Amino acid sequence: MTSNRRTMIRILAGVTVALAGLACGADLLVEHRTEAQVAARASHSLKARGPVHVDLTTPLAGLRTLGGEVGDIDVSAEGVRHQDTTADVSVRLKDVTTDGDSAGGTATATVGYDQVTRRLDALGDGLTAGADNGDLILRGSVGQLGLPVTVRAKVSTTAHAFTITPTTLDILGRSMSVDDLASLPAASGLRDELAPRTVPVTGLPQGVAFTSARAGDHGLVLAFSIAAGPTPGRDGGAV
């Protein structure tokens, strides 16, 4: 191989590396700008009181925007207030375009257990909600004697509400089913205190459907599906 040919190869290799670096830099620049724009729109739409973070997870997302595509987006927002409840929200959208459409996605809203306790309308005599190994737990005191108890509850859902139903309670070192309280005439008041409580989930944006609820480590996690089409809360502007 001649000296001139080796020199030409080095030059071409250097140019290729430089062009790749420029493309990567341009992609990252556009990607960061797009993330900032999406975060600003999400903060406005969700009315978040805390920080909003956006990740474009599709490779070369920045350059894709030049063709009207954004790709997959993950959005997390803290302190989102909906009606009388504040939650931390996480949204994942697929195949988002710069026009504000998507192929659908999923979302979760984590409601702190202090708010769950408040929404239970004083279930029991000061029972407070929490979690234990994925189970919803209510701890406090019940009955006229104010006996300390630990109540396990299940969470069921419909399209527009979730219901917390106490199932078992530990009291005075013994465990029993809440249903068994029906056979104890003296426990009628306690049975009434541990009746199921239903909390409505309403006022959702168009295209968002409530699907399930579970006890998480940091709060009750409400899950939603997002239909394909305009991104929820879009006000006519592009992403």
Protein backbone atom coordinates (compact mmCIF):
# COMPACT_ATOMS: atom_id res chain seq x y z
CA MET A 1 0.00 0.00 0.00
CA THR A 2 1.49 3.31 -1.06
CA SER A 3 2.01 6.23 1.31
CA ASN A 4 -0.56 8.37 -0.56
CA ARG A 5 -3.18 5.63 -0.32
CA ARG A 6 -2.62 5.20 3.41
CA THR A 7 -2.91 8.95 3.85
CA MET A 8 -6.20 9.01 1.92
CA ILE A 9 -7.62 6.17 4.05
CA ARG A 10 -6.71 8.04 7.22
CA ILE A 11 -8.37 11.18 5.90
CA LEU A 12 -11.56 9.32 4.94
CA ALA A 13 -11.64 7.58 8.32
CA GLY A 14 -11.22 10.90 10.07
CA VAL A 15 -14.00 12.50 8.05
CA THR A 16 -16.32 9.55 8.77
CA VAL A 17 -15.66 9.80 12.50
CA ALA A 18 -16.19 13.56 12.41
CA LEU A 19 -19.49 13.23 10.53
CA ALA A 20 -20.68 10.55 12.95
CA GLY A 21 -19.79 12.81 15.84
CA LEU A 22 -21.66 15.72 14.30
CA ALA A 23 -24.74 13.56 13.67
CA CYS A 24 -24.64 12.24 17.22
CA GLY A 25 -24.21 15.74 18.62
CA ALA A 26 -27.06 17.10 16.51
CA ASP A 27 -29.27 14.19 17.56
CA LEU A 28 -28.57 14.79 21.25
CA LEU A 29 -29.14 18.53 20.89
CA VAL A 30 -32.50 18.07 19.18
CA GLU A 31 -33.40 15.29 21.63
CA HIS A 32 -32.72 17.48 24.67
CA ARG A 33 -34.74 20.32 23.17
CA THR A 34 -37.63 17.97 22.41
CA GLU A 35 -37.52 16.54 25.93
CA ALA A 36 -37.66 20.07 27.35
CA GLN A 37 -40.63 20.95 25.13
CA VAL A 38 -42.51 17.77 26.08
CA ALA A 39 -41.74 18.35 29.77
CA ALA A 40 -43.09 21.91 29.56
CA ARG A 41 -46.29 20.77 27.86
CA ALA A 42 -46.72 17.87 30.28
CA SER A 43 -46.22 20.15 33.27
CA HIS A 44 -48.87 22.51 31.93
CA SER A 45 -51.31 19.71 31.06
CA LEU A 46 -50.85 17.79 34.32
CA LYS A 47 -50.54 20.94 36.47
CA ALA A 48 -47.74 19.21 38.35
CA ARG A 49 -46.55 20.86 41.56
CA GLY A 50 -43.28 18.94 41.48
CA PRO A 51 -40.64 18.24 38.85
CA VAL A 52 -41.49 16.70 35.49
CA HIS A 53 -38.96 14.43 33.78
CA VAL A 54 -39.10 13.22 30.17
CA ASP A 55 -37.09 10.50 28.42
CA LEU A 56 -37.17 9.84 24.68
CA THR A 57 -36.39 6.12 24.64
CA THR A 58 -36.32 5.38 20.89
CA PRO A 59 -32.83 5.41 19.31
CA LEU A 60 -32.03 8.58 17.31
CA ALA A 61 -35.16 10.21 18.68
CA GLY A 62 -33.77 13.67 18.05
CA LEU A 63 -33.17 13.10 14.34
CA ARG A 64 -36.53 11.35 14.01
CA THR A 65 -38.29 14.60 14.90
CA LEU A 66 -37.08 16.04 11.58
CA GLY A 67 -39.42 13.53 9.91
CA GLY A 68 -42.33 14.22 12.23
CA GLU A 69 -41.66 11.33 14.61
CA VAL A 70 -40.60 11.32 18.24
CA GLY A 71 -40.89 7.63 19.11
CA ASP A 72 -41.52 6.23 22.57
CA ILE A 73 -41.71 8.66 25.50
CA ASP A 74 -41.56 8.13 29.27
CA VAL A 75 -42.91 10.96 31.41
CA SER A 76 -42.82 11.16 35.20
CA ALA A 77 -44.38 13.99 37.20
CA GLU A 78 -44.59 14.59 40.93
CA GLY A 79 -47.42 16.30 42.76
CA VAL A 80 -50.13 16.00 40.10
CA ARG A 81 -53.44 17.09 41.56
CA HIS A 82 -56.68 15.57 40.27
CA GLN A 83 -59.86 16.64 41.99
CA ASP A 84 -59.10 16.14 45.71
CA THR A 85 -56.11 13.83 45.32
CA THR A 86 -52.41 14.44 44.68
CA ALA A 87 -50.36 11.68 43.04
CA ASP A 88 -47.03 10.95 41.41
CA VAL A 89 -47.75 10.07 37.79
CA SER A 90 -45.78 7.96 35.32
CA VAL A 91 -46.78 7.78 31.65
CA ARG A 92 -45.37 5.65 28.83
CA LEU A 93 -46.49 6.46 25.28
CA LYS A 94 -45.61 4.54 22.10
CA ASP A 95 -44.79 5.97 18.66
CA VAL A 96 -45.48 9.61 19.46
CA THR A 97 -45.47 12.10 16.59
CA THR A 98 -44.65 15.80 16.59
CA ASP A 99 -48.35 16.43 15.85
CA GLY A 100 -49.21 15.05 19.30
CA ASP A 101 -50.59 11.65 18.32
CA SER A 102 -49.45 8.29 19.71
CA ALA A 103 -50.03 4.57 19.33
CA GLY A 104 -51.35 4.47 22.89
CA GLY A 105 -49.68 3.53 26.13
CA THR A 106 -50.04 3.09 29.86
CA ALA A 107 -49.90 5.22 32.97
CA THR A 108 -49.82 4.88 36.74
CA ALA A 109 -50.73 7.27 39.52
CA THR A 110 -49.30 6.55 42.97
CA VAL A 111 -51.45 7.97 45.77
CA GLY A 112 -49.77 8.27 49.16
CA TYR A 113 -51.20 6.19 51.99
CA ASP A 114 -51.94 9.31 54.03
CA GLN A 115 -54.41 10.31 51.30
CA VAL A 116 -55.78 6.77 51.05
CA THR A 117 -56.50 6.91 54.79
CA ARG A 118 -58.33 10.19 54.36
CA ARG A 119 -60.41 8.89 51.45
CA LEU A 120 -61.53 5.87 53.48
CA ASP A 121 -63.75 8.19 55.53
CA ALA A 122 -62.34 7.14 58.90
CA LEU A 123 -62.60 3.41 58.32
CA GLY A 124 -62.45 2.01 61.85
CA ASP A 125 -61.45 4.27 64.74
CA GLY A 126 -58.40 5.93 63.25
CA LEU A 127 -57.14 3.07 61.10
CA THR A 128 -54.27 4.14 58.86
CA ALA A 129 -53.39 2.55 55.52
CA GLY A 130 -50.06 1.05 54.54
CA ALA A 131 -48.56 -1.95 52.73
CA ASP A 132 -46.92 -5.22 53.69
CA ASN A 133 -45.47 -7.53 51.01
CA GLY A 134 -47.92 -6.28 48.39
CA ASP A 135 -50.95 -6.45 50.68
CA LEU A 136 -52.96 -3.42 51.72
CA ILE A 137 -52.79 -3.12 55.52
CA LEU A 138 -54.90 -1.04 57.90
CA ARG A 139 -53.56 -0.52 61.40
CA GLY A 140 -55.11 1.18 64.40
CA SER A 141 -57.91 0.54 66.84
CA VAL A 142 -61.55 -0.48 66.46
CA GLY A 143 -64.59 -1.15 68.62
CA GLN A 144 -65.80 0.54 71.78
CA LEU A 145 -62.76 -0.68 73.70
CA GLY A 146 -60.36 0.72 71.12
CA LEU A 147 -58.56 -2.61 70.71
CA PRO A 148 -55.43 -2.46 68.50
CA VAL A 149 -55.84 -4.41 65.26
CA THR A 150 -54.14 -5.09 61.99
CA VAL A 151 -56.53 -5.50 59.08
CA ARG A 152 -55.62 -6.94 55.69
CA ALA A 153 -57.71 -5.76 52.78
CA LYS A 154 -58.12 -6.54 49.09
CA VAL A 155 -58.46 -3.94 46.37
CA SER A 156 -60.93 -4.48 43.53
CA THR A 157 -61.78 -2.17 40.66
CA THR A 158 -64.46 -1.26 38.18
CA ALA A 159 -64.15 1.09 35.23
CA HIS A 160 -64.88 4.09 37.44
CA ALA A 161 -63.91 3.21 41.02
CA PHE A 162 -61.83 1.05 43.32
CA THR A 163 -63.12 -0.69 46.43
CA ILE A 164 -61.13 -1.55 49.54
CA THR A 165 -62.60 -4.58 51.29
CA PRO A 166 -61.19 -5.69 54.68
CA THR A 167 -60.75 -9.48 54.62
CA THR A 168 -58.93 -10.56 57.80
CA LEU A 169 -58.00 -8.95 61.08
CA ASP A 170 -55.46 -9.73 63.76
CA ILE A 171 -56.73 -8.82 67.21
CA LEU A 172 -55.46 -9.87 70.65
CA GLY A 173 -52.96 -12.20 68.99
CA ARG A 174 -55.58 -14.06 66.95
CA SER A 175 -56.43 -13.89 63.26
CA MET A 176 -59.95 -14.17 61.94
CA SER A 177 -61.96 -13.47 58.83
CA VAL A 178 -63.98 -10.28 58.72
CA ASP A 179 -66.88 -12.38 57.39
CA ASP A 180 -66.81 -14.44 60.61
CA LEU A 181 -67.77 -11.32 62.56
CA ALA A 182 -71.33 -11.89 61.32
CA SER A 183 -71.63 -14.85 63.70
CA LEU A 184 -70.68 -12.69 66.69
CA PRO A 185 -73.62 -10.52 67.78
CA ALA A 186 -71.38 -8.44 70.03
CA ALA A 187 -69.15 -7.58 67.06
CA SER A 188 -71.84 -5.97 64.90
CA GLY A 189 -70.39 -2.51 65.46
CA LEU A 190 -66.92 -3.72 64.54
CA ARG A 191 -68.31 -5.39 61.42
CA ASP A 192 -69.91 -2.10 60.38
CA GLU A 193 -66.62 -0.27 60.90
CA LEU A 194 -64.89 -2.73 58.60
CA ALA A 195 -67.44 -2.53 55.79
CA PRO A 196 -66.02 -2.05 52.26
CA ARG A 197 -65.31 1.48 51.10
CA THR A 198 -65.58 2.55 47.45
CA VAL A 199 -63.65 5.51 46.05
CA PRO A 200 -64.67 6.90 42.64
CA VAL A 201 -62.10 7.49 39.88
CA THR A 202 -63.68 10.07 37.61
CA GLY A 203 -62.86 13.06 35.44
CA LEU A 204 -60.21 11.26 33.38
CA PRO A 205 -58.98 12.77 30.09
CA GLN A 206 -60.51 11.43 26.91
CA GLY A 207 -58.84 8.19 25.86
CA VAL A 208 -57.70 7.26 29.38
CA ALA A 209 -59.33 4.26 31.09
CA PHE A 210 -58.89 3.05 34.67
CA THR A 211 -57.75 -0.59 34.68
CA SER A 212 -56.50 -1.74 38.10
CA ALA A 213 -55.19 -0.83 41.54
CA ARG A 214 -52.63 -2.44 43.84
CA ALA A 215 -50.81 -1.73 47.08
CA GLY A 216 -47.31 -0.43 46.35
CA ASP A 217 -44.44 0.33 48.68
CA HIS A 218 -45.09 4.08 48.65
CA GLY A 219 -48.81 4.26 48.05
CA LEU A 220 -51.80 2.85 46.25
CA VAL A 221 -50.86 2.44 42.58
CA LEU A 222 -53.68 3.11 40.14
CA ALA A 223 -53.09 1.85 36.59
CA PHE A 224 -54.56 3.24 33.37
CA SER A 225 -54.56 2.43 29.67
CA ILE A 226 -54.21 5.14 27.04
CA ALA A 227 -55.90 4.72 23.69
CA ALA A 228 -54.16 5.41 20.40
CA GLY A 229 -54.78 8.85 18.98
CA PRO A 230 -54.26 12.34 20.40
CA THR A 231 -52.14 12.31 23.54
CA PRO A 232 -54.26 12.94 26.67
CA GLY A 233 -54.57 16.59 27.54
CA ARG A 234 -53.27 17.76 24.18
CA ASP A 235 -54.43 21.31 23.63
CA GLY A 236 -54.03 21.40 19.91
CA GLY A 237 -50.30 22.07 19.86
CA ALA A 238 -47.63 19.75 18.62
CA VAL A 239 -45.35 17.87 20.96
